[in-house]
């Protein structure tokens, strides 16, 4: 039950557009429940928040987590974001 409540509090902030609070909430959730019931969603949404805040490098582990899971509703979008992040990093490296 604590797993669900912790995730729900973070998701509420995400849905309300409170990005800083959502990042804090999802980070806290994943610290307490790295393999929790909602770990897939938490990792994806946290990656999305980092990406939106131009913190693409921070999003890499979250997107990789999503991709490493069995194919799911977030797989394709996580692959696209991760690819964009790697391409952008490669452009700056040259």
Foldseek 3Di string as FASTA:
>chain_A
DVLVVLQVVLVVCLVVVVLVSNLVSLVVSCVVCVPDPCNLVSLLSNLVSCVVVVNNVVSQVSLVVNCPDPDDPCNVVSVVSNVVSVVVVVVVVD
